[in-house]
Amino acid sequence: MTSFSHIRCLSAKYNCPMPAIDVAHQHLITARAIHLKEKNEGKEVVSTLGWSGIIAGTRAGAGLDGFDRNKDATVVELCARCPCLWLI
């Protein structure tokens, strides 16, 4: 996260807002928190997080599990006669 810290420091120094960097930084912090929580619960986790943690933070922000796609809701078609789709 040192790259983010450096960019954020420069943006503050030169009064140049960088909202995309701020959001990506927040997603990485969220991913780190989820990772530490799962590690403390004894779940199997990777040893270190990479830049893919941005995706985990984004998924968590959307209400999905940060690291496990198998826990996501699935879309099913209820009947063949109408195009009704439901999340379960």
Protein backbone atom coordinates (compact mmCIF):
# COMPACT_ATOMS: atom_id res chain seq x y z
CA MET A 1 0.00 0.00 0.00
CA THR A 2 3.02 2.25 -0.07
CA SER A 3 2.23 3.26 -3.67
CA PHE A 4 -1.17 4.50 -2.57
CA SER A 5 0.32 6.34 0.38
CA HIS A 6 2.84 8.07 -1.89
CA ILE A 7 0.22 9.09 -4.45
CA ARG A 8 -2.14 10.31 -1.72
CA CYS A 9 0.68 12.34 -0.15
CA LEU A 10 1.49 13.97 -3.51
CA SER A 11 -2.16 14.71 -4.21
CA ALA A 12 -2.47 16.43 -0.81
CA LYS A 13 0.78 18.34 -1.33
CA TYR A 14 -0.26 19.69 -4.73
CA ASN A 15 -3.96 20.03 -3.86
CA CYS A 16 -4.98 17.63 -6.61
CA PRO A 17 -7.80 15.28 -5.54
CA MET A 18 -7.50 11.67 -6.66
CA PRO A 19 -10.84 10.04 -5.78
CA ALA A 20 -10.08 6.83 -7.70
CA ILE A 21 -6.94 6.29 -5.61
CA ASP A 22 -8.90 6.96 -2.42
CA VAL A 23 -11.57 4.41 -3.34
CA ALA A 24 -9.00 1.77 -4.35
CA HIS A 25 -7.16 2.37 -1.05
CA GLN A 26 -10.41 1.90 0.89
CA HIS A 27 -11.10 -1.37 -0.94
CA LEU A 28 -7.63 -2.67 -0.06
CA ILE A 29 -8.17 -1.77 3.61
CA THR A 30 -11.53 -3.60 3.51
CA ALA A 31 -9.89 -6.66 1.95
CA ARG A 32 -7.18 -6.63 4.62
CA ALA A 33 -9.81 -6.48 7.37
CA ILE A 34 -11.78 -9.39 5.86
CA HIS A 35 -8.55 -11.38 5.42
CA LEU A 36 -7.50 -10.85 9.06
CA LYS A 37 -10.99 -11.73 10.31
CA GLU A 38 -11.02 -15.00 8.38
CA LYS A 39 -7.46 -15.78 9.48
CA ASN A 40 -8.37 -15.17 13.14
CA GLU A 41 -11.41 -17.45 12.76
CA GLY A 42 -9.09 -20.24 11.61
CA LYS A 43 -10.34 -20.32 8.03
CA GLU A 44 -7.95 -21.24 5.24
CA VAL A 45 -6.57 -18.03 3.74
CA VAL A 46 -3.69 -17.10 1.49
CA SER A 47 -0.54 -15.92 3.25
CA THR A 48 -0.49 -12.45 1.65
CA LEU A 49 -2.91 -10.29 -0.30
CA GLY A 50 -2.00 -8.82 -3.65
CA TRP A 51 -3.63 -6.14 -5.73
CA SER A 52 -6.56 -8.49 -6.27
CA GLY A 53 -7.67 -7.33 -2.82
CA ILE A 54 -9.25 -4.37 -4.61
CA ILE A 55 -11.80 -6.81 -6.02
CA ALA A 56 -12.49 -8.32 -2.59
CA GLY A 57 -13.21 -4.86 -1.19
CA THR A 58 -15.50 -4.10 -4.11
CA ARG A 59 -17.39 -7.38 -3.65
CA ALA A 60 -17.78 -6.73 0.07
CA GLY A 61 -19.13 -3.26 -0.69
CA ALA A 62 -21.72 -4.86 -2.98
CA GLY A 63 -22.88 -7.19 -0.21
CA LEU A 64 -21.11 -10.27 -1.55
CA ASP A 65 -18.52 -12.43 0.15
CA GLY A 66 -15.12 -10.88 -0.48
CA PHE A 67 -13.20 -14.03 -1.33
CA ASP A 68 -15.67 -16.89 -1.94
CA ARG A 69 -17.82 -16.82 -5.08
CA ASN A 70 -19.56 -20.02 -3.99
CA LYS A 71 -21.46 -18.03 -1.35
CA ASP A 72 -22.98 -15.69 -3.94
CA ALA A 73 -26.67 -15.80 -4.79
CA THR A 74 -27.57 -17.61 -7.98
CA VAL A 75 -30.10 -16.56 -10.59
CA VAL A 76 -32.77 -19.11 -11.43
CA GLU A 77 -35.63 -19.07 -13.92
CA LEU A 78 -38.89 -19.92 -12.17
CA CYS A 79 -40.94 -20.98 -15.15
CA ALA A 80 -40.40 -21.56 -18.85
CA ARG A 81 -43.44 -19.48 -19.87
CA CYS A 82 -42.24 -16.13 -18.52
CA PRO A 83 -38.81 -14.51 -18.28
CA CYS A 84 -39.00 -14.10 -14.49
CA LEU A 85 -35.61 -14.39 -12.82
CA TRP A 86 -35.06 -14.56 -9.06
CA LEU A 87 -32.01 -14.44 -6.83
CA ILE A 88 -31.75 -17.25 -4.30
